[in-house]
Each structure stands twice: as structure tokens, then as C-alpha cells.
Amino acid sequence: MEGETYPIYGNGVELNHKVRQTFHKNFVQVQSLLDQNRLLINEINHNHESNIPHNLNRNVGLIRELNNNIRRVVLLYADLSSSLASYESAGDFNGGGGGRSGMFERFLNHNGRKRKTP
């Protein structure tokens, strides 16, 4: 139902229906691409192990496809990140009012644990 909120990760963050739909759509697309990548990697490995010239030549196209899929995954995650930021500033997280109330950071850090960056 429009306007409903849904708890996520049990950390006090709730998402409205629109936000939840966006997450779901992006994550389904990402999962599909990752599944495709797994199949591509398996085929690339099989072709490499076979040492058959035709199979090795085929790997060039498969690796290009794999790289394109990886680019698409990166773009989907960037879109998701952008959506999260815009929903946070619009107040679509529990508490409304917009701004950086800390809920966005808690959501991203999963129960308050900071992500380690290299």
C-alpha cells in the first residue's frame, strides 16, 4: 500500500513503498547480472582449460561481455546510492524532515558498524 513503511535490518530505519520498490528493482537487476557473470566466468575458465584455439578466441567476446556486465552492476549500485541520498534528503526514511539525521548513515553502515575503506 502506498505510504506504508517497512523495517529494514532491524536498526530502526524504515523505508516507504517507493524506496522499497527502487531497492527491489535494482537488487533484482544486480542479482541477474551477477548470475550471468558466474556463468560467463565458468565458460571462460572451461575455454581456457581446453586450450582449443576457437574456444580461446571466443573468450575475447565473453570477457568483453563480462566487463560490460560489471560496468552495469557498478552503475546500478551508483544509482542505488544516489536514490538513497535523495530519499534521505527528501525525508523518505523514518522520521521525515529530510537532512542527515543519522538514519541514512546507520542504514549504510548496517547497525552502526562502519565500513572499512582501503
N, C-alpha and C. Protein backbone atom coordinates (compact mmCIF):
# COMPACT_ATOMS: atom_id res chain seq x y z
N MET A 1 0.84 -1.17 0.00
CA MET A 1 0.00 0.00 0.00
C MET A 1 0.89 1.24 0.00
N GLU A 2 0.55 2.23 -0.78
CA GLU A 2 1.31 3.46 -0.87
C GLU A 2 1.38 4.15 0.49
N GLY A 3 2.56 4.62 0.84
CA GLY A 3 2.74 5.30 2.11
C GLY A 3 3.11 4.40 3.27
N GLU A 4 3.01 3.06 3.08
CA GLU A 4 3.41 2.15 4.14
C GLU A 4 4.91 2.21 4.33
N THR A 5 5.36 1.90 5.54
CA THR A 5 6.79 1.82 5.79
C THR A 5 7.14 0.40 6.17
N TYR A 6 8.39 0.02 5.91
CA TYR A 6 8.86 -1.33 6.16
C TYR A 6 10.17 -1.26 6.93
N PRO A 7 10.27 -2.00 8.06
CA PRO A 7 11.55 -2.02 8.76
C PRO A 7 12.59 -2.74 7.92
N ILE A 8 13.84 -2.31 8.05
CA ILE A 8 14.91 -2.96 7.32
C ILE A 8 16.13 -3.09 8.22
N TYR A 9 16.73 -4.27 8.28
CA TYR A 9 17.92 -4.58 9.07
C TYR A 9 17.71 -4.47 10.57
N GLY A 10 16.52 -4.17 11.03
CA GLY A 10 16.28 -4.11 12.46
C GLY A 10 17.06 -3.01 13.16
N ASN A 11 17.48 -1.97 12.43
CA ASN A 11 18.26 -0.92 13.06
C ASN A 11 17.48 0.38 13.20
N GLY A 12 16.17 0.29 13.13
CA GLY A 12 15.35 1.46 13.33
C GLY A 12 15.06 2.24 12.06
N VAL A 13 15.58 1.81 10.93
CA VAL A 13 15.33 2.50 9.68
C VAL A 13 14.12 1.87 9.01
N GLU A 14 13.21 2.71 8.60
CA GLU A 14 12.05 2.22 7.87
C GLU A 14 12.04 2.88 6.50
N LEU A 15 11.60 2.14 5.51
CA LEU A 15 11.55 2.64 4.14
C LEU A 15 10.12 2.67 3.65
N ASN A 16 9.77 3.72 2.92
CA ASN A 16 8.43 3.75 2.37
C ASN A 16 8.35 2.87 1.13
N HIS A 17 7.16 2.72 0.61
CA HIS A 17 6.90 1.80 -0.51
C HIS A 17 7.73 2.14 -1.74
N LYS A 18 7.83 3.42 -2.07
CA LYS A 18 8.57 3.86 -3.25
C LYS A 18 10.05 3.49 -3.14
N VAL A 19 10.63 3.73 -1.98
CA VAL A 19 12.04 3.41 -1.74
C VAL A 19 12.24 1.91 -1.84
N ARG A 20 11.35 1.17 -1.22
CA ARG A 20 11.45 -0.29 -1.23
C ARG A 20 11.38 -0.84 -2.66
N GLN A 21 10.50 -0.29 -3.49
CA GLN A 21 10.39 -0.73 -4.88
C GLN A 21 11.69 -0.47 -5.64
N THR A 22 12.27 0.70 -5.42
CA THR A 22 13.53 1.04 -6.09
C THR A 22 14.62 0.07 -5.70
N PHE A 23 14.75 -0.21 -4.40
CA PHE A 23 15.75 -1.16 -3.93
C PHE A 23 15.53 -2.52 -4.58
N HIS A 24 14.30 -2.98 -4.54
CA HIS A 24 13.99 -4.30 -5.06
C HIS A 24 14.35 -4.40 -6.54
N LYS A 25 13.92 -3.39 -7.32
CA LYS A 25 14.19 -3.40 -8.76
C LYS A 25 15.70 -3.45 -9.02
N ASN A 26 16.46 -2.60 -8.35
CA ASN A 26 17.91 -2.57 -8.56
C ASN A 26 18.58 -3.86 -8.13
N PHE A 27 18.18 -4.39 -6.98
CA PHE A 27 18.81 -5.60 -6.49
C PHE A 27 18.49 -6.81 -7.37
N VAL A 28 17.29 -6.86 -7.93
CA VAL A 28 16.94 -7.94 -8.86
C VAL A 28 17.80 -7.85 -10.11
N GLN A 29 17.98 -6.63 -10.63
CA GLN A 29 18.83 -6.45 -11.81
C GLN A 29 20.28 -6.83 -11.51
N VAL A 30 20.78 -6.39 -10.36
CA VAL A 30 22.15 -6.72 -9.97
C VAL A 30 22.31 -8.22 -9.84
N GLN A 31 21.37 -8.88 -9.17
CA GLN A 31 21.48 -10.33 -8.98
C GLN A 31 21.47 -11.06 -10.31
N SER A 32 20.64 -10.61 -11.23
CA SER A 32 20.59 -11.22 -12.56
C SER A 32 21.94 -11.09 -13.27
N LEU A 33 22.53 -9.90 -13.20
CA LEU A 33 23.84 -9.70 -13.83
C LEU A 33 24.92 -10.54 -13.16
N LEU A 34 24.87 -10.64 -11.84
CA LEU A 34 25.86 -11.44 -11.13
C LEU A 34 25.72 -12.92 -11.48
N ASP A 35 24.49 -13.39 -11.63
CA ASP A 35 24.27 -14.77 -12.06
C ASP A 35 24.82 -15.00 -13.47
N GLN A 36 24.58 -14.03 -14.36
CA GLN A 36 25.13 -14.12 -15.71
C GLN A 36 26.65 -14.15 -15.66
N ASN A 37 27.23 -13.31 -14.82
CA ASN A 37 28.69 -13.26 -14.70
C ASN A 37 29.26 -14.59 -14.24
N ARG A 38 28.57 -15.23 -13.31
CA ARG A 38 29.04 -16.53 -12.83
C ARG A 38 29.10 -17.53 -13.98
N LEU A 39 28.05 -17.54 -14.81
CA LEU A 39 28.03 -18.44 -15.97
C LEU A 39 29.13 -18.09 -16.97
N LEU A 40 29.32 -16.79 -17.20
CA LEU A 40 30.37 -16.36 -18.12
C LEU A 40 31.75 -16.78 -17.62
N ILE A 41 31.99 -16.59 -16.34
CA ILE A 41 33.29 -16.96 -15.76
C ILE A 41 33.52 -18.46 -15.88
N ASN A 42 32.48 -19.24 -15.62
CA ASN A 42 32.61 -20.70 -15.77
C ASN A 42 32.97 -21.08 -17.21
N GLU A 43 32.28 -20.44 -18.16
CA GLU A 43 32.56 -20.74 -19.57
C GLU A 43 33.97 -20.27 -19.96
N ILE A 44 34.37 -19.10 -19.49
CA ILE A 44 35.71 -18.59 -19.78
C ILE A 44 36.77 -19.55 -19.22
N ASN A 45 36.57 -20.00 -18.00
CA ASN A 45 37.52 -20.95 -17.39
C ASN A 45 37.58 -22.26 -18.18
N HIS A 46 36.42 -22.76 -18.55
CA HIS A 46 36.37 -24.01 -19.33
C HIS A 46 37.10 -23.85 -20.66
N ASN A 47 36.84 -22.73 -21.35
CA ASN A 47 37.51 -22.48 -22.63
C ASN A 47 39.02 -22.35 -22.45
N HIS A 48 39.43 -21.70 -21.39
CA HIS A 48 40.86 -21.51 -21.13
C HIS A 48 41.54 -22.86 -20.88
N GLU A 49 40.89 -23.69 -20.09
CA GLU A 49 41.46 -25.00 -19.76
C GLU A 49 41.52 -25.92 -20.98
N SER A 50 40.61 -25.72 -21.93
CA SER A 50 40.58 -26.59 -23.11
C SER A 50 41.75 -26.34 -24.06
N ASN A 51 42.29 -25.13 -24.05
CA ASN A 51 43.39 -24.73 -24.95
C ASN A 51 43.06 -24.93 -26.43
N ILE A 52 41.80 -24.99 -26.77
CA ILE A 52 41.38 -25.09 -28.17
C ILE A 52 41.34 -23.66 -28.73
N PRO A 53 42.03 -23.41 -29.84
CA PRO A 53 42.11 -22.04 -30.37
C PRO A 53 40.75 -21.35 -30.54
N HIS A 54 39.76 -22.07 -31.07
CA HIS A 54 38.43 -21.46 -31.25
C HIS A 54 37.86 -21.01 -29.90
N ASN A 55 37.99 -21.85 -28.88
CA ASN A 55 37.46 -21.52 -27.55
C ASN A 55 38.21 -20.33 -26.95
N LEU A 56 39.52 -20.29 -27.15
CA LEU A 56 40.31 -19.17 -26.63
C LEU A 56 39.92 -17.87 -27.33
N ASN A 57 39.65 -17.93 -28.63
CA ASN A 57 39.18 -16.74 -29.35
C ASN A 57 37.81 -16.30 -28.85
N ARG A 58 36.97 -17.27 -28.55
CA ARG A 58 35.62 -16.97 -28.04
C ARG A 58 35.70 -16.24 -26.70
N ASN A 59 36.74 -16.53 -25.92
CA ASN A 59 36.90 -15.88 -24.62
C ASN A 59 37.01 -14.36 -24.73
N VAL A 60 37.55 -13.87 -25.83
CA VAL A 60 37.67 -12.42 -26.01
C VAL A 60 36.30 -11.77 -25.91
N GLY A 61 35.33 -12.30 -26.63
CA GLY A 61 33.96 -11.77 -26.58
C GLY A 61 33.31 -11.98 -25.23
N LEU A 62 33.56 -13.14 -24.62
CA LEU A 62 32.97 -13.42 -23.30
C LEU A 62 33.53 -12.47 -22.24
N ILE A 63 34.81 -12.19 -22.32
CA ILE A 63 35.42 -11.27 -21.35
C ILE A 63 34.89 -9.85 -21.55
N ARG A 64 34.67 -9.46 -22.79
CA ARG A 64 34.05 -8.14 -23.05
C ARG A 64 32.65 -8.08 -22.44
N GLU A 65 31.89 -9.15 -22.64
CA GLU A 65 30.54 -9.20 -22.07
C GLU A 65 30.60 -9.13 -20.55
N LEU A 66 31.54 -9.85 -19.96
CA LEU A 66 31.73 -9.83 -18.51
C LEU A 66 32.05 -8.42 -18.03
N ASN A 67 32.97 -7.74 -18.72
CA ASN A 67 33.33 -6.37 -18.35
C ASN A 67 32.14 -5.42 -18.47
N ASN A 68 31.34 -5.58 -19.52
CA ASN A 68 30.14 -4.75 -19.68
C ASN A 68 29.15 -5.00 -18.55
N ASN A 69 28.98 -6.25 -18.16
CA ASN A 69 28.09 -6.57 -17.05
C ASN A 69 28.58 -5.94 -15.75
N ILE A 70 29.89 -5.98 -15.54
CA ILE A 70 30.45 -5.37 -14.33
C ILE A 70 30.20 -3.87 -14.33
N ARG A 71 30.36 -3.23 -15.48
CA ARG A 71 30.06 -1.79 -15.58
C ARG A 71 28.60 -1.52 -15.23
N ARG A 72 27.71 -2.37 -15.73
CA ARG A 72 26.28 -2.19 -15.45
C ARG A 72 25.99 -2.35 -13.96
N VAL A 73 26.64 -3.31 -13.31
CA VAL A 73 26.45 -3.50 -11.87
C VAL A 73 26.92 -2.26 -11.12
N VAL A 74 28.06 -1.73 -11.50
CA VAL A 74 28.58 -0.51 -10.86
C VAL A 74 27.59 0.63 -11.03
N LEU A 75 27.04 0.79 -12.23
CA LEU A 75 26.06 1.85 -12.48
C LEU A 75 24.79 1.65 -11.66
N LEU A 76 24.35 0.41 -11.54
CA LEU A 76 23.15 0.15 -10.73
C LEU A 76 23.39 0.49 -9.26
N TYR A 77 24.57 0.13 -8.74
CA TYR A 77 24.88 0.48 -7.36
C TYR A 77 25.02 1.99 -7.19
N ALA A 78 25.57 2.67 -8.18
CA ALA A 78 25.67 4.13 -8.12
C ALA A 78 24.28 4.75 -8.11
N ASP A 79 23.39 4.21 -8.94
CA ASP A 79 22.01 4.69 -8.97
C ASP A 79 21.32 4.45 -7.63
N LEU A 80 21.58 3.30 -7.06
CA LEU A 80 21.00 2.97 -5.76
C LEU A 80 21.51 3.94 -4.69
N SER A 81 22.79 4.22 -4.72
CA SER A 81 23.38 5.16 -3.77
C SER A 81 22.78 6.55 -3.94
N SER A 82 22.63 6.97 -5.17
CA SER A 82 22.04 8.27 -5.46
C SER A 82 20.59 8.32 -4.98
N SER A 83 19.86 7.23 -5.21
CA SER A 83 18.47 7.16 -4.76
C SER A 83 18.39 7.24 -3.24
N LEU A 84 19.28 6.53 -2.57
CA LEU A 84 19.30 6.58 -1.10
C LEU A 84 19.52 8.00 -0.61
N ALA A 85 20.47 8.68 -1.22
CA ALA A 85 20.78 10.05 -0.81
C ALA A 85 19.59 10.97 -1.05
N SER A 86 18.93 10.82 -2.20
CA SER A 86 17.80 11.70 -2.48
C SER A 86 16.60 11.38 -1.58
N TYR A 87 16.39 10.10 -1.27
CA TYR A 87 15.30 9.75 -0.36
C TYR A 87 15.58 10.27 1.04
N GLU A 88 16.84 10.21 1.46
CA GLU A 88 17.21 10.71 2.78
C GLU A 88 16.95 12.21 2.86
N SER A 89 17.38 12.95 1.85
CA SER A 89 17.21 14.40 1.89
C SER A 89 15.74 14.79 1.75
N ALA A 90 14.94 13.93 1.12
CA ALA A 90 13.51 14.21 0.98
C ALA A 90 12.71 13.76 2.20
N GLY A 91 13.38 13.08 3.14
CA GLY A 91 12.68 12.65 4.34
C GLY A 91 11.89 11.39 4.16
N ASP A 92 12.24 10.56 3.17
CA ASP A 92 11.50 9.32 2.94
C ASP A 92 11.90 8.20 3.89
N PHE A 93 12.89 8.45 4.74
CA PHE A 93 13.23 7.49 5.78
C PHE A 93 12.39 7.82 7.01
N ASN A 94 12.27 6.86 7.90
CA ASN A 94 11.54 7.04 9.15
C ASN A 94 11.98 8.32 9.83
N GLY A 95 11.07 9.11 10.24
CA GLY A 95 11.38 10.34 10.95
C GLY A 95 11.14 11.57 10.11
N GLY A 96 11.14 11.42 8.78
CA GLY A 96 10.85 12.54 7.90
C GLY A 96 11.76 13.72 8.13
N GLY A 97 11.37 14.84 7.60
CA GLY A 97 12.09 16.07 7.86
C GLY A 97 13.33 16.29 7.03
N GLY A 98 13.78 15.27 6.34
CA GLY A 98 14.95 15.43 5.48
C GLY A 98 16.22 15.64 6.26
N GLY A 99 17.27 15.94 5.56
CA GLY A 99 18.56 16.18 6.19
C GLY A 99 19.23 14.91 6.63
N ARG A 100 20.42 15.09 7.14
CA ARG A 100 21.22 13.94 7.58
C ARG A 100 20.97 13.71 9.06
N SER A 101 19.96 12.92 9.35
CA SER A 101 19.59 12.67 10.74
C SER A 101 20.38 11.53 11.35
N GLY A 102 21.18 10.84 10.57
CA GLY A 102 21.93 9.70 11.07
C GLY A 102 21.32 8.38 10.65
N MET A 103 20.05 8.38 10.26
CA MET A 103 19.42 7.13 9.84
C MET A 103 20.03 6.62 8.55
N PHE A 104 20.33 7.52 7.63
CA PHE A 104 20.94 7.14 6.37
C PHE A 104 22.29 6.48 6.63
N GLU A 105 23.08 7.08 7.50
CA GLU A 105 24.38 6.51 7.82
C GLU A 105 24.23 5.15 8.51
N ARG A 106 23.27 5.03 9.44
CA ARG A 106 23.05 3.75 10.11
C ARG A 106 22.63 2.69 9.10
N PHE A 107 21.77 3.09 8.15
CA PHE A 107 21.35 2.15 7.11
C PHE A 107 22.56 1.67 6.32
N LEU A 108 23.39 2.60 5.88
CA LEU A 108 24.55 2.23 5.07
C LEU A 108 25.58 1.45 5.86
N ASN A 109 25.70 1.72 7.13
CA ASN A 109 26.72 1.06 7.95
C ASN A 109 26.19 -0.20 8.61
N HIS A 110 24.95 -0.57 8.34
CA HIS A 110 24.33 -1.80 8.86
C HIS A 110 24.52 -1.91 10.37
N ASN A 111 23.57 -1.42 11.06
CA ASN A 111 23.55 -1.45 12.53
C ASN A 111 24.70 -0.68 13.15
N GLY A 112 25.10 0.39 12.49
CA GLY A 112 26.08 1.28 13.10
C GLY A 112 27.52 0.90 12.93
N ARG A 113 27.82 -0.26 12.34
CA ARG A 113 29.22 -0.65 12.14
C ARG A 113 29.75 0.07 10.91
N LYS A 114 30.85 0.77 11.07
CA LYS A 114 31.46 1.50 9.96
C LYS A 114 32.07 0.53 8.97
N ARG A 115 31.92 0.85 7.71
CA ARG A 115 32.53 0.07 6.66
C ARG A 115 33.99 0.47 6.55
N LYS A 116 34.86 -0.51 6.45
CA LYS A 116 36.28 -0.20 6.32
C LYS A 116 36.60 0.08 4.87
N THR A 117 37.25 1.22 4.64
CA THR A 117 37.65 1.57 3.29
C THR A 117 39.14 1.37 3.15
N PRO A 118 39.58 0.92 1.97
CA PRO A 118 41.01 0.66 1.79
C PRO A 118 41.84 1.92 1.80
